[in-house]
PDB file of N, CA and C in Angstrom:
ATOM      1  N   MET A   1       8.242 -13.865  19.972  1.00  0.00           N
ATOM      2  CA  MET A   1       7.973 -12.787  20.026  1.00  0.00           C
ATOM      3  C   MET A   1       6.401 -12.547  19.474  1.00  0.00           C
ATOM      4  N   LYS A   2       5.591 -11.940  20.321  1.00  0.00           N
ATOM      5  CA  LYS A   2       3.987 -11.850  19.801  1.00  0.00           C
ATOM      6  C   LYS A   2       3.752 -10.554  19.098  1.00  0.00           C
ATOM      7  N   PHE A   3       2.917 -10.926  18.214  1.00  0.00           N
ATOM      8  CA  PHE A   3       2.111  -9.605  17.418  1.00  0.00           C
ATOM      9  C   PHE A   3       0.788  -9.283  17.170  1.00  0.00           C
ATOM     10  N   ASN A   4       0.017  -8.717  16.926  1.00  0.00           N
ATOM     11  CA  ASN A   4      -1.095  -8.581  16.347  1.00  0.00           C
ATOM     12  C   ASN A   4      -1.014  -8.284  14.814  1.00  0.00           C
ATOM     13  N   GLY A   5      -2.153  -8.948  14.286  1.00  0.00           N
ATOM     14  CA  GLY A   5      -1.597  -9.003  12.827  1.00  0.00           C
ATOM     15  C   GLY A   5      -3.268  -9.892  12.410  1.00  0.00           C
ATOM     16  N   ALA A   6      -3.056  -9.931  10.682  1.00  0.00           N
ATOM     17  CA  ALA A   6      -3.835 -10.325   9.958  1.00  0.00           C
ATOM     18  C   ALA A   6      -3.847 -10.442   9.036  1.00  0.00           C
ATOM     19  N   ILE A   7      -4.152 -11.589   8.165  1.00  0.00           N
ATOM     20  CA  ILE A   7      -3.746 -12.057   6.768  1.00  0.00           C
ATOM     21  C   ILE A   7      -5.042 -12.130   6.352  1.00  0.00           C
ATOM     22  N   VAL A   8      -4.630 -10.657   5.209  1.00  0.00           N
ATOM     23  CA  VAL A   8      -5.982  -9.952   4.250  1.00  0.00           C
ATOM     24  C   VAL A   8      -5.960 -10.709   2.645  1.00  0.00           C
ATOM     25  N   LYS A   9      -6.853 -11.396   2.502  1.00  0.00           N
ATOM     26  CA  LYS A   9      -7.310 -11.673   1.416  1.00  0.00           C
ATOM     27  C   LYS A   9      -7.938 -10.513  -0.052  1.00  0.00           C
ATOM     28  N   THR A  10      -6.865 -10.648  -1.032  1.00  0.00           N
ATOM     29  CA  THR A  10      -7.243  -9.398  -1.820  1.00  0.00           C
ATOM     30  C   THR A  10      -7.739  -9.972  -2.975  1.00  0.00           C
ATOM     31  N   PRO A  11      -8.006  -9.498  -4.109  1.00  0.00           N
ATOM     32  CA  PRO A  11      -8.138 -10.288  -5.540  1.00  0.00           C
ATOM     33  C   PRO A  11      -7.193 -10.497  -6.249  1.00  0.00           C
ATOM     34  N   ALA A  12      -5.804  -9.884  -5.594  1.00  0.00           N
ATOM     35  CA  ALA A  12      -4.638 -10.088  -6.401  1.00  0.00           C
ATOM     36  C   ALA A  12      -3.965 -10.994  -5.408  1.00  0.00           C
ATOM     37  N   ARG A  13      -4.243 -11.655  -4.008  1.00  0.00           N
ATOM     38  CA  ARG A  13      -2.850 -12.201  -3.269  1.00  0.00           C
ATOM     39  C   ARG A  13      -3.160 -11.918  -1.906  1.00  0.00           C
ATOM     40  N   GLU A  14      -2.850 -12.816  -0.718  1.00  0.00           N
ATOM     41  CA  GLU A  14      -2.746 -12.623   0.434  1.00  0.00           C
ATOM     42  C   GLU A  14      -1.964 -11.683   0.853  1.00  0.00           C
ATOM     43  N   ILE A  15      -1.936 -11.088   1.556  1.00  0.00           N
ATOM     44  CA  ILE A  15      -0.924 -10.028   2.480  1.00  0.00           C
ATOM     45  C   ILE A  15      -1.325  -9.804   4.196  1.00  0.00           C
ATOM     46  N   GLY A  16       0.089 -10.545   4.909  1.00  0.00           N
ATOM     47  CA  GLY A  16      -0.291 -10.034   5.870  1.00  0.00           C
ATOM     48  C   GLY A  16      -0.062  -8.713   6.457  1.00  0.00           C
ATOM     49  N   VAL A  17      -0.694  -8.121   7.528  1.00  0.00           N
ATOM     50  CA  VAL A  17      -0.448  -7.093   7.998  1.00  0.00           C
ATOM     51  C   VAL A  17      -0.240  -7.359   9.729  1.00  0.00           C
ATOM     52  N   ALA A  18       1.198  -6.619   9.834  1.00  0.00           N
ATOM     53  CA  ALA A  18       1.028  -6.883  11.375  1.00  0.00           C
ATOM     54  C   ALA A  18       1.174  -5.181  11.923  1.00  0.00           C
ATOM     55  N   VAL A  19       0.976  -5.181  13.016  1.00  0.00           N
ATOM     56  CA  VAL A  19       0.223  -3.866  13.549  1.00  0.00           C
ATOM     57  C   VAL A  19       1.416  -3.438  14.663  1.00  0.00           C
ATOM     58  N   VAL A  20       2.150  -2.477  14.172  1.00  0.00           N
ATOM     59  CA  VAL A  20       3.430  -2.274  15.291  1.00  0.00           C
ATOM     60  C   VAL A  20       3.260  -0.661  15.727  1.00  0.00           C
ATOM     61  N   ASP A  21       3.706  -0.376  16.078  1.00  0.00           N
ATOM     62  CA  ASP A  21       4.122   1.003  16.937  1.00  0.00           C
ATOM     63  C   ASP A  21       4.289   1.981  16.072  1.00  0.00           C
ATOM     64  N   LYS A  22       4.008   3.042  15.992  1.00  0.00           N
ATOM     65  CA  LYS A  22       4.557   4.283  15.483  1.00  0.00           C
ATOM     66  C   LYS A  22       5.746   4.590  15.078  1.00  0.00           C
ATOM     67  N   SER A  23       6.709   4.467  16.227  1.00  0.00           N
ATOM     68  CA  SER A  23       7.918   4.751  16.310  1.00  0.00           C
ATOM     69  C   SER A  23       8.880   3.638  15.397  1.00  0.00           C
ATOM     70  N   PHE A  24       8.056   1.844  15.154  1.00  0.00           N
ATOM     71  CA  PHE A  24       8.982   1.557  14.288  1.00  0.00           C
ATOM     72  C   PHE A  24       9.442   2.274  13.147  1.00  0.00           C
ATOM     73  N   ILE A  25       9.163   3.007  12.451  1.00  0.00           N
ATOM     74  CA  ILE A  25       9.698   3.498  10.950  1.00  0.00           C
ATOM     75  C   ILE A  25      11.024   4.170  11.725  1.00  0.00           C
ATOM     76  N   ASP A  26      11.154   4.633  12.707  1.00  0.00           N
ATOM     77  CA  ASP A  26      12.311   5.504  13.151  1.00  0.00           C
ATOM     78  C   ASP A  26      13.416   4.672  13.699  1.00  0.00           C
ATOM     79  N   LYS A  27      13.328   3.127  13.731  1.00  0.00           N
ATOM     80  CA  LYS A  27      14.508   2.304  13.345  1.00  0.00           C
ATOM     81  C   LYS A  27      15.260   2.068  12.612  1.00  0.00           C
ATOM     82  N   GLU A  28      16.411   1.522  12.564  1.00  0.00           N
ATOM     83  CA  GLU A  28      17.656   1.331  11.337  1.00  0.00           C
ATOM     84  C   GLU A  28      17.303   0.771  10.413  1.00  0.00           C
ATOM     85  N   PRO A  29      17.113   0.941   8.774  1.00  0.00           N
ATOM     86  CA  PRO A  29      16.537  -0.179   8.496  1.00  0.00           C
ATOM     87  C   PRO A  29      16.935  -1.531   8.589  1.00  0.00           C
ATOM     88  N   LEU A  30      18.416  -1.992   8.784  1.00  0.00           N
ATOM     89  CA  LEU A  30      18.667  -3.340   8.934  1.00  0.00           C
ATOM     90  C   LEU A  30      17.999  -3.839  10.052  1.00  0.00           C
ATOM     91  N   GLU A  31      17.484  -3.187  11.077  1.00  0.00           N
ATOM     92  CA  GLU A  31      16.952  -3.453  12.203  1.00  0.00           C
ATOM     93  C   GLU A  31      15.250  -3.861  11.436  1.00  0.00           C
ATOM     94  N   ARG A  32      14.580  -3.398  10.670  1.00  0.00           N
ATOM     95  CA  ARG A  32      13.638  -3.037  10.316  1.00  0.00           C
ATOM     96  C   ARG A  32      13.304  -4.030   9.711  1.00  0.00           C
ATOM     97  N   ALA A  33      14.322  -4.641   8.894  1.00  0.00           N
ATOM     98  CA  ALA A  33      14.368  -5.492   7.894  1.00  0.00           C
ATOM     99  C   ALA A  33      14.074  -6.928   8.610  1.00  0.00           C
ATOM    100  N   LYS A  34      14.876  -6.917   9.621  1.00  0.00           N
ATOM    101  CA  LYS A  34      14.917  -8.084  10.584  1.00  0.00           C
ATOM    102  C   LYS A  34      13.423  -8.483  11.362  1.00  0.00           C
ATOM    103  N   TYR A  35      12.936  -7.716  11.673  1.00  0.00           N
ATOM    104  CA  TYR A  35      11.721  -7.345  12.305  1.00  0.00           C
ATOM    105  C   TYR A  35      10.352  -8.385  11.276  1.00  0.00           C
ATOM    106  N   ILE A  36      10.425  -7.048   9.864  1.00  0.00           N
ATOM    107  CA  ILE A  36      10.015  -7.713   8.792  1.00  0.00           C
ATOM    108  C   ILE A  36      10.330  -9.051   8.508  1.00  0.00           C
ATOM    109  N   GLN A  37      11.130  -9.762   8.569  1.00  0.00           N
ATOM    110  CA  GLN A  37      11.517 -10.943   8.150  1.00  0.00           C
ATOM    111  C   GLN A  37      10.772 -12.018   9.611  1.00  0.00           C
ATOM    112  N   ALA A  38      10.821 -11.433  10.594  1.00  0.00           N
ATOM    113  CA  ALA A  38      10.098 -12.276  11.866  1.00  0.00           C
ATOM    114  C   ALA A  38       8.888 -12.329  11.510  1.00  0.00           C
ATOM    115  N   TYR A  39       7.945 -11.137  11.109  1.00  0.00           N
ATOM    116  CA  TYR A  39       6.835 -11.490  10.825  1.00  0.00           C
ATOM    117  C   TYR A  39       6.463 -12.012   9.647  1.00  0.00           C
ATOM    118  N   ILE A  40       6.992 -12.300   8.731  1.00  0.00           N
ATOM    119  CA  ILE A  40       7.292 -12.657   7.434  1.00  0.00           C
ATOM    120  C   ILE A  40       6.849 -14.449   8.306  1.00  0.00           C
ATOM    121  N   LYS A  41       7.763 -14.972   8.805  1.00  0.00           N
ATOM    122  CA  LYS A  41       7.851 -16.011   9.537  1.00  0.00           C
ATOM    123  C   LYS A  41       6.655 -16.553  10.129  1.00  0.00           C
ATOM    124  N   GLY A  42       6.045 -15.406  11.101  1.00  0.00           N
ATOM    125  CA  GLY A  42       5.081 -15.791  11.909  1.00  0.00           C
ATOM    126  C   GLY A  42       4.155 -15.598  11.059  1.00  0.00           C
ATOM    127  N   PHE A  43       3.866 -15.361  10.035  1.00  0.00           N
ATOM    128  CA  PHE A  43       2.541 -15.178   9.185  1.00  0.00           C
ATOM    129  C   PHE A  43       2.262 -16.565   8.050  1.00  0.00           C
ATOM    130  N   GLY A  44       3.635 -17.604   8.622  1.00  0.00           N
ATOM    131  CA  GLY A  44       3.667 -19.069   8.102  1.00  0.00           C
ATOM    132  C   GLY A  44       4.694 -18.723   6.758  1.00  0.00           C
ATOM    133  N   GLY A  45       5.595 -17.796   6.679  1.00  0.00           N
ATOM    134  CA  GLY A  45       6.463 -17.382   5.661  1.00  0.00           C
ATOM    135  C   GLY A  45       6.123 -17.531   4.074  1.00  0.00           C
ATOM    136  N   GLN A  46       4.943 -17.690   4.095  1.00  0.00           N
ATOM    137  CA  GLN A  46       4.244 -17.453   2.431  1.00  0.00           C
ATOM    138  C   GLN A  46       3.761 -16.288   2.046  1.00  0.00           C
ATOM    139  N   VAL A  47       3.418 -15.206   2.851  1.00  0.00           N
ATOM    140  CA  VAL A  47       2.790 -14.072   2.794  1.00  0.00           C
ATOM    141  C   VAL A  47       3.695 -12.871   2.277  1.00  0.00           C
ATOM    142  N   PRO A  48       3.348 -11.698   1.508  1.00  0.00           N
ATOM    143  CA  PRO A  48       4.146 -10.418   1.917  1.00  0.00           C
ATOM    144  C   PRO A  48       4.066  -9.789   3.174  1.00  0.00           C
ATOM    145  N   VAL A  49       4.293  -8.885   3.571  1.00  0.00           N
ATOM    146  CA  VAL A  49       3.928  -8.273   4.984  1.00  0.00           C
ATOM    147  C   VAL A  49       3.834  -6.819   4.793  1.00  0.00           C
ATOM    148  N   VAL A  50       2.680  -6.189   5.372  1.00  0.00           N
ATOM    149  CA  VAL A  50       2.680  -5.102   5.418  1.00  0.00           C
ATOM    150  C   VAL A  50       2.607  -4.525   6.846  1.00  0.00           C
ATOM    151  N   LEU A  51       3.114  -3.065   7.512  1.00  0.00           N
ATOM    152  CA  LEU A  51       2.704  -2.749   8.968  1.00  0.00           C
ATOM    153  C   LEU A  51       1.598  -2.110   9.037  1.00  0.00           C
ATOM    154  N   LEU A  52       1.465  -2.046   9.843  1.00  0.00           N
ATOM    155  CA  LEU A  52       0.373  -1.264  10.144  1.00  0.00           C
ATOM    156  C   LEU A  52       0.326  -0.107  11.157  1.00  0.00           C
ATOM    157  N   LEU A  53       1.128   0.944  11.467  1.00  0.00           N
ATOM    158  CA  LEU A  53       1.597   1.978  12.082  1.00  0.00           C
ATOM    159  C   LEU A  53       0.635   2.314  13.048  1.00  0.00           C
ATOM    160  N   GLY A  54       0.808   2.307  14.513  1.00  0.00           N
ATOM    161  CA  GLY A  54      -0.087   2.601  15.287  1.00  0.00           C
ATOM    162  C   GLY A  54       0.085   1.557  16.630  1.00  0.00           C
ATOM    163  N   ASP A  55      -0.773   1.515  17.808  1.00  0.00           N
ATOM    164  CA  ASP A  55      -0.955   0.884  18.546  1.00  0.00           C
ATOM    165  C   ASP A  55      -2.404   0.055  19.375  1.00  0.00           C
ATOM    166  N   ALA A  56      -1.887  -1.227  19.645  1.00  0.00           N
ATOM    167  CA  ALA A  56      -3.774  -1.672  19.929  1.00  0.00           C
ATOM    168  C   ALA A  56      -4.423  -0.455  20.475  1.00  0.00           C
ATOM    169  N   LYS A  57      -4.121   0.532  21.304  1.00  0.00           N
ATOM    170  CA  LYS A  57      -5.293   1.241  21.691  1.00  0.00           C
ATOM    171  C   LYS A  57      -6.037   2.472  20.538  1.00  0.00           C
ATOM    172  N   ASP A  58      -5.118   2.529  19.721  1.00  0.00           N
ATOM    173  CA  ASP A  58      -5.233   3.712  18.671  1.00  0.00           C
ATOM    174  C   ASP A  58      -4.912   3.690  17.474  1.00  0.00           C
ATOM    175  N   LEU A  59      -5.448   3.252  16.444  1.00  0.00           N
ATOM    176  CA  LEU A  59      -4.521   3.287  14.981  1.00  0.00           C
ATOM    177  C   LEU A  59      -4.476   4.544  14.609  1.00  0.00           C
ATOM    178  N   GLY A  60      -5.643   5.551  14.831  1.00  0.00           N
ATOM    179  CA  GLY A  60      -5.758   6.673  14.365  1.00  0.00           C
ATOM    180  C   GLY A  60      -6.915   6.824  13.676  1.00  0.00           C
ATOM    181  N   ALA A  61      -7.148   7.897  13.331  1.00  0.00           N
ATOM    182  CA  ALA A  61      -8.663   8.366  12.533  1.00  0.00           C
ATOM    183  C   ALA A  61      -8.543   7.326  10.897  1.00  0.00           C
ATOM    184  N   GLU A  62      -6.951   7.468  10.381  1.00  0.00           N
ATOM    185  CA  GLU A  62      -7.248   6.746   8.974  1.00  0.00           C
ATOM    186  C   GLU A  62      -5.805   5.699   9.104  1.00  0.00           C
ATOM    187  N   GLU A  63      -6.022   4.643   8.457  1.00  0.00           N
ATOM    188  CA  GLU A  63      -5.149   3.721   8.414  1.00  0.00           C
ATOM    189  C   GLU A  63      -3.813   4.383   7.916  1.00  0.00           C
ATOM    190  N   ASN A  64      -2.662   3.959   8.504  1.00  0.00           N
ATOM    191  CA  ASN A  64      -1.537   4.482   8.088  1.00  0.00           C
ATOM    192  C   ASN A  64      -0.640   3.106   8.148  1.00  0.00           C
ATOM    193  N   PHE A  65      -0.613   2.379   6.756  1.00  0.00           N
ATOM    194  CA  PHE A  65       0.209   1.647   5.945  1.00  0.00           C
ATOM    195  C   PHE A  65       1.608   1.584   5.766  1.00  0.00           C
ATOM    196  N   TRP A  66       2.724   0.965   6.111  1.00  0.00           N
ATOM    197  CA  TRP A  66       3.819   0.853   5.494  1.00  0.00           C
ATOM    198  C   TRP A  66       4.451   0.035   4.760  1.00  0.00           C
ATOM    199  N   GLY A  67       4.830  -0.041   3.821  1.00  0.00           N
ATOM    200  CA  GLY A  67       5.354  -1.354   3.387  1.00  0.00           C
ATOM    201  C   GLY A  67       5.628  -1.081   1.707  1.00  0.00           C
ATOM    202  N   ARG A  68       5.457  -2.262   0.522  1.00  0.00           N
ATOM    203  CA  ARG A  68       5.903  -2.104  -0.706  1.00  0.00           C
ATOM    204  C   ARG A  68       4.392  -1.482  -1.152  1.00  0.00           C
ATOM    205  N   PRO A  69       4.786  -0.180  -1.443  1.00  0.00           N
ATOM    206  CA  PRO A  69       3.531   0.578  -2.286  1.00  0.00           C
ATOM    207  C   PRO A  69       2.638   0.071  -2.901  1.00  0.00           C
ATOM    208  N   ASP A  70       2.802  -1.113  -3.683  1.00  0.00           N
ATOM    209  CA  ASP A  70       1.933  -2.021  -4.749  1.00  0.00           C
ATOM    210  C   ASP A  70       0.994  -2.981  -3.678  1.00  0.00           C
ATOM    211  N   LEU A  71       1.421  -3.556  -2.342  1.00  0.00           N
ATOM    212  CA  LEU A  71       0.799  -3.859  -1.482  1.00  0.00           C
ATOM    213  C   LEU A  71       0.143  -2.912  -0.261  1.00  0.00           C
ATOM    214  N   VAL A  72       0.605  -2.058  -0.447  1.00  0.00           N
ATOM    215  CA  VAL A  72      -0.278  -0.590   0.522  1.00  0.00           C
ATOM    216  C   VAL A  72      -1.636  -0.397  -0.521  1.00  0.00           C
ATOM    217  N   GLU A  73      -1.391  -0.568  -1.723  1.00  0.00           N
ATOM    218  CA  GLU A  73      -2.524   0.129  -2.560  1.00  0.00           C
ATOM    219  C   GLU A  73      -3.712  -0.706  -2.017  1.00  0.00           C
ATOM    220  N   HIS A  74      -3.348  -2.120  -2.450  1.00  0.00           N
ATOM    221  CA  HIS A  74      -4.151  -2.950  -2.015  1.00  0.00           C
ATOM    222  C   HIS A  74      -4.909  -3.027  -0.598  1.00  0.00           C
ATOM    223  N   LEU A  75      -4.319  -2.697   0.035  1.00  0.00           N
ATOM    224  CA  LEU A  75      -4.892  -2.064   1.724  1.00  0.00           C
ATOM    225  C   LEU A  75      -5.234  -1.307   1.760  1.00  0.00           C
ATOM    226  N   LYS A  76      -5.287  -0.491   1.025  1.00  0.00           N
ATOM    227  CA  LYS A  76      -6.323   0.610   1.335  1.00  0.00           C
ATOM    228  C   LYS A  76      -7.830   0.706   0.797  1.00  0.00           C
ATOM    229  N   GLU A  77      -7.901  -0.323   0.232  1.00  0.00           N
ATOM    230  CA  GLU A  77      -9.438  -0.613  -0.592  1.00  0.00           C
ATOM    231  C   GLU A  77     -10.265  -1.476   0.538  1.00  0.00           C
ATOM    232  N   ILE A  78      -9.774  -2.005   1.761  1.00  0.00           N
ATOM    233  CA  ILE A  78     -10.043  -2.696   2.767  1.00  0.00           C
ATOM    234  C   ILE A  78     -10.346  -1.853   3.839  1.00  0.00           C
ATOM    235  N   PRO A  79     -11.509  -1.759   4.509  1.00  0.00           N
ATOM    236  CA  PRO A  79     -11.797  -1.243   5.687  1.00  0.00           C
ATOM    237  C   PRO A  79     -11.021  -1.993   7.303  1.00  0.00           C
ATOM    238  N   LEU A  80     -10.377  -1.338   7.986  1.00  0.00           N
ATOM    239  CA  LEU A  80      -9.915  -2.318   8.986  1.00  0.00           C
ATOM    240  C   LEU A  80     -10.786  -3.194   9.638  1.00  0.00           C
ATOM    241  N   ASN A  81     -11.922  -2.762  10.232  1.00  0.00           N
ATOM    242  CA  ASN A  81     -12.981  -3.877  10.662  1.00  0.00           C
ATOM    243  C   ASN A  81     -13.504  -4.736   9.705  1.00  0.00           C
ATOM    244  N   MET A  82     -13.077  -5.097   8.738  1.00  0.00           N
ATOM    245  CA  MET A  82     -13.245  -6.017   7.466  1.00  0.00           C
ATOM    246  C   MET A  82     -11.964  -7.015   7.805  1.00  0.00           C
ATOM    247  N   MET A  83     -10.738  -6.701   8.766  1.00  0.00           N
ATOM    248  CA  MET A  83      -9.747  -7.632   8.766  1.00  0.00           C
ATOM    249  C   MET A  83      -9.983  -8.046  10.101  1.00  0.00           C
ATOM    250  N   THR A  84      -9.567  -9.744  10.299  1.00  0.00           N
ATOM    251  CA  THR A  84      -9.554  -9.977  11.842  1.00  0.00           C
ATOM    252  C   THR A  84      -8.707 -10.147  11.964  1.00  0.00           C
ATOM    253  N   PHE A  85      -8.204  -9.719  13.092  1.00  0.00           N
ATOM    254  CA  PHE A  85      -7.080  -9.554  13.840  1.00  0.00           C
ATOM    255  C   PHE A  85      -6.715 -10.598  14.911  1.00  0.00           C
ATOM    256  N   LYS A  86      -5.476 -11.170  14.961  1.00  0.00           N
ATOM    257  CA  LYS A  86      -5.282 -12.236  16.232  1.00  0.00           C
ATOM    258  C   LYS A  86      -4.032 -11.939  16.270  1.00  0.00           C
ATOM    259  N   THR A  87      -3.163 -12.637  17.414  1.00  0.00           N
ATOM    260  CA  THR A  87      -2.108 -12.601  17.807  1.00  0.00           C
ATOM    261  C   THR A  87      -1.225 -13.804  17.540  1.00  0.00           C
ATOM    262  N   TYR A  88      -0.199 -13.428  16.840  1.00  0.00           N
ATOM    263  CA  TYR A  88       0.724 -14.277  15.836  1.00  0.00           C
ATOM    264  C   TYR A  88       1.801 -14.502  16.778  1.00  0.00           C
ATOM    265  N   ASN A  89       2.768 -15.831  16.748  1.00  0.00           N
ATOM    266  CA  ASN A  89       4.156 -15.467  17.302  1.00  0.00           C
ATOM    267  C   ASN A  89       5.184 -15.599  16.146  1.00  0.00           C
ATOM    268  N   ALA A  90       6.230 -14.928  16.179  1.00  0.00           N
ATOM    269  CA  ALA A  90       6.844 -14.740  15.414  1.00  0.00           C
ATOM    270  C   ALA A  90       8.683 -15.050  16.078  1.00  0.00           C
ATOM    271  N   PRO A  91       9.739 -15.188  15.318  1.00  0.00           N
ATOM    272  CA  PRO A  91      10.914 -15.744  16.097  1.00  0.00           C
ATOM    273  C   PRO A  91      11.309 -14.059  17.090  1.00  0.00           C
ATOM    274  N   ASP A  92      12.091 -14.266  17.873  1.00  0.00           N
ATOM    275  CA  ASP A  92      12.622 -12.871  18.493  1.00  0.00           C
ATOM    276  C   ASP A  92      13.583 -12.392  17.748  1.00  0.00           C
ATOM    277  N   VAL A  93      13.614 -11.158  17.196  1.00  0.00           N
ATOM    278  CA  VAL A  93      14.770 -10.153  16.712  1.00  0.00           C
ATOM    279  C   VAL A  93      15.679 -10.238  17.512  1.00  0.00           C
ATOM    280  N   GLU A  94      17.222 -10.326  17.221  1.00  0.00           N
ATOM    281  CA  GLU A  94      18.079 -10.119  18.165  1.00  0.00           C
ATOM    282  C   GLU A  94      18.945  -8.796  17.601  1.00  0.00           C
TER     283      GLU A  94
END
């Protein structure tokens, strides 16, 4: 599966940011976990992942990150225009 994302370097660590539709949080927890594991593999398997809820055309007026609170706090300090997004490939989720 293809997805848009960025690997963000913070002073503490690198974090993968995957852009997903806002409806992602309505998925069942097990299904969300499968997607997050796929995104981790898509980023090479070495970085934790935070999701950016939105779509390619409209991320909203404010960043809406979803994931581990400590990682989200790191990302709130970095403007979106400082993140380089590109298309990544991840394993398909069954």
